[in-house]
Amino acid sequence: MSLDARLQQLWYDRPGAALPLLPLSWLFGCIVSLRRWAFRVGLLRSTKLSKPVIVVGNLTVGGTGKTPVVIWLVNTLAAQGHTVGVITRGYGGKAKSWPQQVKPGSDPNLLGDEAVLIAQETHCLVFAGPNRVAAAEQAIAAGADVIISDDGLQHYRLQRDLELVVVDASRLFGNGHLLPAGPLREPLQRLETANMVLFNQRVERQPPPLPIPHAAFRIGLTKLRSLHSGEPRPLDSLRGQQVHVVTGIGNPLAFLQALRTMEVRMDARLLRDHAELTVDDIEFGDALPVLMTEKDAVKCRRFAGARHWAVGAEVIFNEADEARLQQCLQQCLVKH
């Protein structure tokens, strides 16, 4: 079992096993609180930009559905006439200098898989780099009139006008402890200062009571896309078949559960989040179809064959929750 898998089990399935790590969590909590206090009183400098900044982040380590929400927001705001700039860490990228503009055809090994995926799915201005202030300034110089930060809830150097926190409604906050005893990057009280919580509702479950506005969404699978030819195929074309699945995302079980609705028989090869895929990772020595997420697909499009398929996905809100989020967005943009 990988280290990632062991930690996930510790945080979500065996809460009592985390007790020996609690002293480290208390130390981590002190550091987090001191750092935030230093920004609040001005000991550490933060920057206010000339354009509105929307941060989409999470409190927990691992996948919550944050990047699909960013893509939905970009496409929604672009449809309303905005020129959107997305800034992202470029996690896993090996570029020698930052920030860099990310294009749909950029190398994910240099600039990060999530950055390339966002550029591919939105064709908006995307800039990657650890310094989000510098990345945002470049996006504004390129013409962006609103900035969306993919992650960055804890990146307090960049002031923000709106904070959206994405939460996996199935797993919530695990055992409720801070790293490393639990999955939390900040204490749960941090939710009270955000503008809205967005629950990724993979299963029907009543969200916990919260003191701030919240909305629910689900991620629905759309279609298959050949990595070799770009040919689209309906999901139903594989119903009842045996397939292979390869994935290196933060919460692979969510993807596997969604695939089960297709009624396919599958065996899965689970890699660590942001893993750099190789030919060996996507080969199984037979002629069966190999499925992966779009995030995984951007990393192996150069060497994928006719049997390799990306599974498309989209964020779906019900009418009331979408209206609530749209109102929140408009209030932010008008206020700025």
Protein backbone atom coordinates (compact mmCIF):
# COMPACT_ATOMS: atom_id res chain seq x y z
CA MET A 1 0.00 0.00 0.00
CA SER A 2 1.36 3.45 -0.96
CA LEU A 3 1.98 6.20 1.60
CA ASP A 4 -0.97 8.16 0.16
CA ALA A 5 -3.29 5.18 0.62
CA ARG A 6 -2.05 4.59 4.18
CA LEU A 7 -2.68 8.20 5.14
CA GLN A 8 -6.15 8.18 3.58
CA GLN A 9 -6.99 5.07 5.60
CA LEU A 10 -5.63 6.68 8.75
CA TRP A 11 -7.59 9.89 8.25
CA TYR A 12 -10.92 8.49 7.08
CA ASP A 13 -11.22 4.85 8.16
CA ARG A 14 -9.21 4.41 11.39
CA PRO A 15 -9.57 7.61 13.43
CA GLY A 16 -8.08 6.13 16.60
CA ALA A 17 -4.85 5.20 14.82
CA ALA A 18 -3.97 8.88 14.36
CA LEU A 19 -3.58 9.61 18.09
CA PRO A 20 0.26 9.27 18.16
CA LEU A 21 0.50 12.03 15.55
CA LEU A 22 -1.61 14.55 17.46
CA PRO A 23 1.38 16.45 18.99
CA LEU A 24 2.63 17.13 15.46
CA SER A 25 -0.86 18.31 14.49
CA TRP A 26 -0.90 20.73 17.43
CA LEU A 27 2.47 22.12 16.31
CA PHE A 28 1.22 22.44 12.74
CA GLY A 29 -1.90 24.23 14.03
CA CYS A 30 0.22 26.76 15.93
CA ILE A 31 2.25 27.51 12.81
CA VAL A 32 -0.90 27.90 10.69
CA SER A 33 -2.49 30.26 13.23
CA LEU A 34 0.64 32.38 13.64
CA ARG A 35 1.06 32.70 9.88
CA ARG A 36 -2.52 33.84 9.35
CA TRP A 37 -2.26 36.29 12.26
CA ALA A 38 0.93 37.74 10.74
CA PHE A 39 -0.90 38.46 7.47
CA ARG A 40 -3.89 39.90 9.31
CA VAL A 41 -1.83 42.43 11.31
CA GLY A 42 0.52 43.28 8.44
CA LEU A 43 3.72 41.59 9.59
CA LEU A 44 3.56 39.59 6.36
CA ARG A 45 2.64 41.50 3.23
CA SER A 46 -0.40 40.74 1.09
CA THR A 47 -1.31 42.24 -2.28
CA LYS A 48 -4.62 43.70 -3.47
CA LEU A 49 -5.06 43.42 -7.23
CA SER A 50 -6.86 45.79 -9.59
CA LYS A 51 -9.31 43.06 -10.68
CA PRO A 52 -11.60 40.83 -8.59
CA VAL A 53 -10.05 37.61 -7.30
CA ILE A 54 -12.08 34.43 -6.71
CA VAL A 55 -10.33 31.67 -4.79
CA VAL A 56 -11.54 28.09 -5.18
CA GLY A 57 -9.91 25.95 -2.52
CA ASN A 58 -10.39 23.28 0.08
CA LEU A 59 -9.58 22.61 3.72
CA THR A 60 -8.46 19.04 3.19
CA VAL A 61 -5.60 17.33 1.40
CA GLY A 62 -6.71 15.26 -1.58
CA GLY A 63 -9.32 15.52 -4.29
CA THR A 64 -12.65 17.22 -3.65
CA GLY A 65 -13.65 18.19 -7.21
CA LYS A 66 -12.05 21.62 -7.08
CA THR A 67 -10.63 21.72 -10.63
CA PRO A 68 -13.96 20.80 -12.32
CA VAL A 69 -15.56 23.64 -10.33
CA VAL A 70 -12.88 26.03 -11.61
CA ILE A 71 -13.61 24.93 -15.18
CA TRP A 72 -17.35 25.44 -14.62
CA LEU A 73 -16.75 28.93 -13.20
CA VAL A 74 -14.49 29.95 -16.08
CA ASN A 75 -16.95 28.81 -18.73
CA THR A 76 -19.88 30.43 -16.88
CA LEU A 77 -18.14 33.80 -16.50
CA ALA A 78 -16.81 33.70 -20.07
CA ALA A 79 -20.37 33.13 -21.32
CA GLN A 80 -21.33 36.33 -19.45
CA GLY A 81 -18.70 38.31 -21.35
CA HIS A 82 -15.77 38.22 -18.92
CA THR A 83 -12.16 37.64 -19.88
CA VAL A 84 -11.11 35.17 -17.20
CA GLY A 85 -7.59 34.55 -16.01
CA VAL A 86 -6.85 31.38 -14.03
CA ILE A 87 -3.82 31.13 -11.78
CA THR A 88 -2.58 27.82 -10.46
CA ARG A 89 0.41 26.43 -8.60
CA GLY A 90 1.52 24.26 -11.52
CA TYR A 91 1.94 21.41 -9.07
CA GLY A 92 4.34 18.75 -10.35
CA GLY A 93 5.66 21.02 -13.11
CA LYS A 94 9.41 21.03 -13.69
CA ALA A 95 9.79 24.37 -15.45
CA LYS A 96 12.96 26.32 -14.61
CA SER A 97 11.23 29.70 -14.38
CA TRP A 98 7.82 30.88 -13.16
CA PRO A 99 5.19 32.11 -13.77
CA GLN A 100 4.46 30.79 -17.25
CA GLN A 101 1.44 31.00 -19.50
CA VAL A 102 -0.20 27.63 -20.06
CA LYS A 103 -1.73 26.70 -23.42
CA PRO A 104 -3.88 23.66 -24.32
CA GLY A 105 -0.87 22.02 -25.95
CA SER A 106 1.64 22.81 -23.17
CA ASP A 107 3.72 20.03 -21.63
CA PRO A 108 2.10 18.95 -18.32
CA ASN A 109 5.45 17.64 -17.10
CA LEU A 110 6.76 21.20 -17.26
CA LEU A 111 3.70 23.20 -16.15
CA GLY A 112 1.50 20.74 -14.22
CA ASP A 113 -1.37 18.47 -15.24
CA GLU A 114 -4.19 20.55 -13.73
CA ALA A 115 -2.92 23.74 -15.38
CA VAL A 116 -2.87 22.11 -18.83
CA LEU A 117 -6.29 20.52 -18.25
CA ILE A 118 -7.83 23.91 -17.38
CA ALA A 119 -6.29 25.50 -20.47
CA GLN A 120 -7.49 22.61 -22.62
CA GLU A 121 -11.07 22.70 -21.30
CA THR A 122 -11.57 26.48 -21.20
CA HIS A 123 -9.11 28.11 -23.65
CA CYS A 124 -8.87 31.00 -21.20
CA LEU A 125 -5.78 32.81 -19.93
CA VAL A 126 -3.97 30.38 -17.61
CA PHE A 127 -0.78 31.25 -15.74
CA ALA A 128 1.06 28.79 -13.50
CA GLY A 129 3.60 29.40 -10.78
CA PRO A 130 4.19 29.23 -7.02
CA ASN A 131 3.93 33.03 -6.76
CA ARG A 132 0.24 33.55 -7.39
CA VAL A 133 0.51 37.33 -7.15
CA ALA A 134 3.01 37.40 -10.03
CA ALA A 135 0.90 34.93 -12.02
CA ALA A 136 -2.25 37.02 -11.50
CA GLU A 137 -0.48 40.23 -12.50
CA GLN A 138 0.60 38.60 -15.75
CA ALA A 139 -2.95 37.41 -16.40
CA ILE A 140 -4.28 40.95 -15.85
CA ALA A 141 -1.60 42.37 -18.14
CA ALA A 142 -2.75 39.87 -20.78
CA GLY A 143 -6.33 41.20 -20.54
CA ALA A 144 -8.08 39.30 -17.74
CA ASP A 145 -10.85 41.24 -15.99
CA VAL A 146 -11.43 38.61 -13.28
CA ILE A 147 -8.98 36.19 -11.68
CA ILE A 148 -9.82 32.67 -10.49
CA SER A 149 -7.25 30.99 -8.27
CA ASP A 150 -7.27 27.21 -8.58
CA ASP A 151 -6.50 26.28 -4.98
CA GLY A 152 -4.74 28.97 -2.97
CA LEU A 153 -7.16 29.19 -0.04
CA GLN A 154 -4.10 29.25 2.22
CA HIS A 155 -2.05 31.53 -0.10
CA TYR A 156 -2.61 34.70 1.94
CA ARG A 157 -0.09 36.77 -0.01
CA LEU A 158 -2.91 37.26 -2.52
CA GLN A 159 -5.95 39.16 -1.21
CA ARG A 160 -9.26 37.82 -2.44
CA ASP A 161 -12.78 39.13 -2.99
CA LEU A 162 -14.56 35.77 -2.85
CA GLU A 163 -13.68 32.42 -1.27
CA LEU A 164 -15.39 29.22 -2.40
CA VAL A 165 -14.51 26.11 -0.40
CA VAL A 166 -15.13 22.75 -2.10
CA VAL A 167 -15.95 19.83 0.22
CA ASP A 168 -16.43 16.15 -0.61
CA ALA A 169 -19.81 15.49 1.01
CA SER A 170 -19.07 11.76 1.27
CA ARG A 171 -15.82 12.10 3.22
CA LEU A 172 -16.27 15.59 4.71
CA PHE A 173 -13.29 16.31 6.99
CA GLY A 174 -12.21 12.79 7.98
CA ASN A 175 -11.24 12.52 11.61
CA GLY A 176 -11.27 16.33 11.98
CA HIS A 177 -7.56 16.63 12.83
CA LEU A 178 -4.97 18.88 11.26
CA LEU A 179 -2.03 17.46 9.31
CA PRO A 180 -0.38 15.02 9.77
CA ALA A 181 -2.86 13.28 12.11
CA GLY A 182 -5.76 14.26 9.85
CA PRO A 183 -6.45 15.71 6.40
CA LEU A 184 -7.10 19.32 7.45
CA ARG A 185 -4.85 22.13 6.23
CA GLU A 186 -6.56 24.61 8.56
CA PRO A 187 -8.99 24.28 11.49
CA LEU A 188 -12.66 23.74 10.68
CA GLN A 189 -13.45 27.21 12.06
CA ARG A 190 -11.81 28.56 8.90
CA LEU A 191 -15.06 27.76 7.05
CA GLU A 192 -16.78 30.58 8.94
CA THR A 193 -14.69 33.20 7.11
CA ALA A 194 -15.34 31.82 3.60
CA ASN A 195 -18.15 33.15 1.40
CA MET A 196 -19.67 29.84 0.32
CA VAL A 197 -19.14 26.10 0.69
CA LEU A 198 -19.73 23.91 -2.36
CA PHE A 199 -20.52 20.28 -1.51
CA ASN A 200 -19.49 17.68 -4.08
CA GLN A 201 -22.42 15.37 -3.50
CA ARG A 202 -21.42 12.01 -4.97
CA VAL A 203 -24.14 10.32 -2.94
CA GLU A 204 -27.38 11.64 -1.50
CA ARG A 205 -26.36 12.93 1.91
CA GLN A 206 -27.62 15.86 3.92
CA PRO A 207 -24.74 18.35 4.37
CA PRO A 208 -23.89 19.37 7.93
CA PRO A 209 -25.34 22.66 9.27
CA LEU A 210 -23.07 25.59 8.43
CA PRO A 211 -23.02 29.26 9.44
CA ILE A 212 -22.36 30.39 5.83
CA PRO A 213 -24.18 29.91 2.49
CA HIS A 214 -23.66 26.58 0.76
CA ALA A 215 -24.67 24.80 -2.42
CA ALA A 216 -24.40 21.24 -3.70
CA PHE A 217 -23.26 19.90 -7.04
CA ARG A 218 -22.38 16.56 -8.58
CA ILE A 219 -19.85 15.58 -11.20
CA GLY A 220 -21.47 13.72 -14.07
CA LEU A 221 -19.60 11.69 -16.68
CA THR A 222 -20.23 12.96 -20.21
CA LYS A 223 -18.54 10.99 -23.00
CA LEU A 224 -15.45 9.06 -23.97
CA ARG A 225 -12.71 10.66 -26.07
CA SER A 226 -10.00 8.71 -27.89
CA LEU A 227 -6.53 9.88 -26.90
CA HIS A 228 -5.25 8.63 -30.23
CA SER A 229 -7.69 10.19 -32.70
CA GLY A 230 -9.89 12.53 -30.65
CA GLU A 231 -12.94 10.50 -31.68
CA PRO A 232 -15.86 10.90 -29.22
CA ARG A 233 -17.93 7.91 -28.13
CA PRO A 234 -20.99 7.68 -25.89
CA LEU A 235 -20.47 6.19 -22.43
CA ASP A 236 -23.02 3.48 -23.16
CA SER A 237 -20.75 2.03 -25.85
CA LEU A 238 -18.76 0.23 -23.13
CA ARG A 239 -21.69 -0.91 -21.01
CA GLY A 240 -21.19 -4.49 -19.81
CA GLN A 241 -17.61 -4.70 -21.13
CA GLN A 242 -14.37 -5.49 -19.30
CA VAL A 243 -12.03 -2.48 -19.14
CA HIS A 244 -8.85 -1.31 -17.46
CA VAL A 245 -8.73 1.94 -15.48
CA VAL A 246 -5.63 4.02 -14.76
CA THR A 247 -5.79 7.07 -12.56
CA GLY A 248 -3.51 9.34 -10.57
CA ILE A 249 -5.88 11.78 -8.86
CA GLY A 250 -6.47 12.87 -5.28
CA ASN A 251 -9.60 10.78 -4.70
CA PRO A 252 -9.60 7.86 -7.17
CA LEU A 253 -12.50 6.09 -5.46
CA ALA A 254 -14.84 8.88 -6.57
CA PHE A 255 -13.88 8.25 -10.20
CA LEU A 256 -14.28 4.49 -9.81
CA GLN A 257 -17.72 4.90 -8.23
CA ALA A 258 -18.80 7.11 -11.13
CA LEU A 259 -17.57 4.50 -13.63
CA ARG A 260 -19.63 1.82 -11.91
CA THR A 261 -22.76 3.64 -13.05
CA MET A 262 -21.67 2.69 -16.59
CA GLU A 263 -22.02 -0.96 -15.57
CA VAL A 264 -18.52 -1.85 -16.80
CA ARG A 265 -16.37 -4.61 -15.32
CA MET A 266 -13.02 -3.09 -14.45
CA ASP A 267 -9.69 -3.57 -12.81
CA ALA A 268 -7.97 -0.41 -11.61
CA ARG A 269 -4.36 0.72 -11.46
CA LEU A 270 -4.24 3.49 -8.86
CA LEU A 271 -1.26 5.84 -8.91
CA ARG A 272 -0.37 8.69 -6.58
CA ASP A 273 -1.93 12.10 -7.19
CA HIS A 274 -0.18 14.02 -10.01
CA ALA A 275 1.86 10.92 -10.93
CA GLU A 276 3.91 11.32 -14.12
CA LEU A 277 2.44 8.63 -16.39
CA THR A 278 4.62 6.45 -18.59
CA VAL A 279 3.90 3.97 -21.38
CA ASP A 280 4.18 1.11 -18.89
CA ASP A 281 1.52 2.70 -16.65
CA ILE A 282 -1.15 2.57 -19.36
CA GLU A 283 -0.28 -0.79 -20.94
CA PHE A 284 -1.81 -4.08 -19.78
CA GLY A 285 -0.69 -6.56 -22.46
CA ASP A 286 -4.14 -7.11 -23.97
CA ALA A 287 -6.61 -5.44 -26.31
CA LEU A 288 -9.11 -4.20 -23.70
CA PRO A 289 -10.02 -0.49 -23.52
CA VAL A 290 -8.08 1.61 -21.00
CA LEU A 291 -10.01 4.45 -19.32
CA MET A 292 -8.65 7.46 -17.43
CA THR A 293 -9.69 10.94 -16.32
CA GLU A 294 -9.02 13.98 -18.49
CA LYS A 295 -6.45 15.07 -15.91
CA ASP A 296 -4.54 11.82 -16.44
CA ALA A 297 -5.04 11.96 -20.20
CA VAL A 298 -3.14 15.24 -20.68
CA LYS A 299 -0.01 13.48 -19.38
CA CYS A 300 0.01 10.60 -21.86
CA ARG A 301 -1.52 11.96 -25.05
CA ARG A 302 1.93 11.80 -26.76
CA PHE A 303 2.23 8.03 -26.45
CA ALA A 304 -1.36 6.79 -26.07
CA GLY A 305 -2.78 4.32 -28.55
CA ALA A 306 -6.15 3.48 -30.06
CA ARG A 307 -7.27 1.62 -26.91
CA HIS A 308 -6.85 4.60 -24.57
CA TRP A 309 -9.85 6.73 -23.70
CA ALA A 310 -10.39 9.83 -21.55
CA VAL A 311 -13.66 10.00 -19.63
CA GLY A 312 -15.16 13.47 -19.76
CA ALA A 313 -16.89 14.99 -16.74
CA GLU A 314 -18.88 18.10 -15.94
CA VAL A 315 -20.18 19.90 -12.86
CA ILE A 316 -23.97 19.84 -12.49
CA PHE A 317 -25.94 22.09 -10.12
CA ASN A 318 -29.67 22.01 -9.54
CA GLU A 319 -31.47 25.23 -10.41
CA ALA A 320 -31.70 26.61 -6.87
CA ASP A 321 -28.05 25.92 -5.98
CA GLU A 322 -26.79 27.36 -9.25
CA ALA A 323 -28.85 30.52 -8.68
CA ARG A 324 -27.37 30.85 -5.18
CA LEU A 325 -23.83 30.56 -6.53
CA GLN A 326 -24.52 32.95 -9.42
CA GLN A 327 -25.82 35.54 -6.95
CA CYS A 328 -22.66 35.16 -4.89
CA LEU A 329 -20.51 35.66 -7.99
CA GLN A 330 -22.41 38.74 -9.13
CA GLN A 331 -22.20 40.35 -5.69
CA CYS A 332 -18.43 39.89 -5.78
CA LEU A 333 -18.04 41.33 -9.28
CA VAL A 334 -20.35 44.30 -8.67
CA LYS A 335 -18.71 45.13 -5.35
CA HIS A 336 -15.23 45.28 -6.82
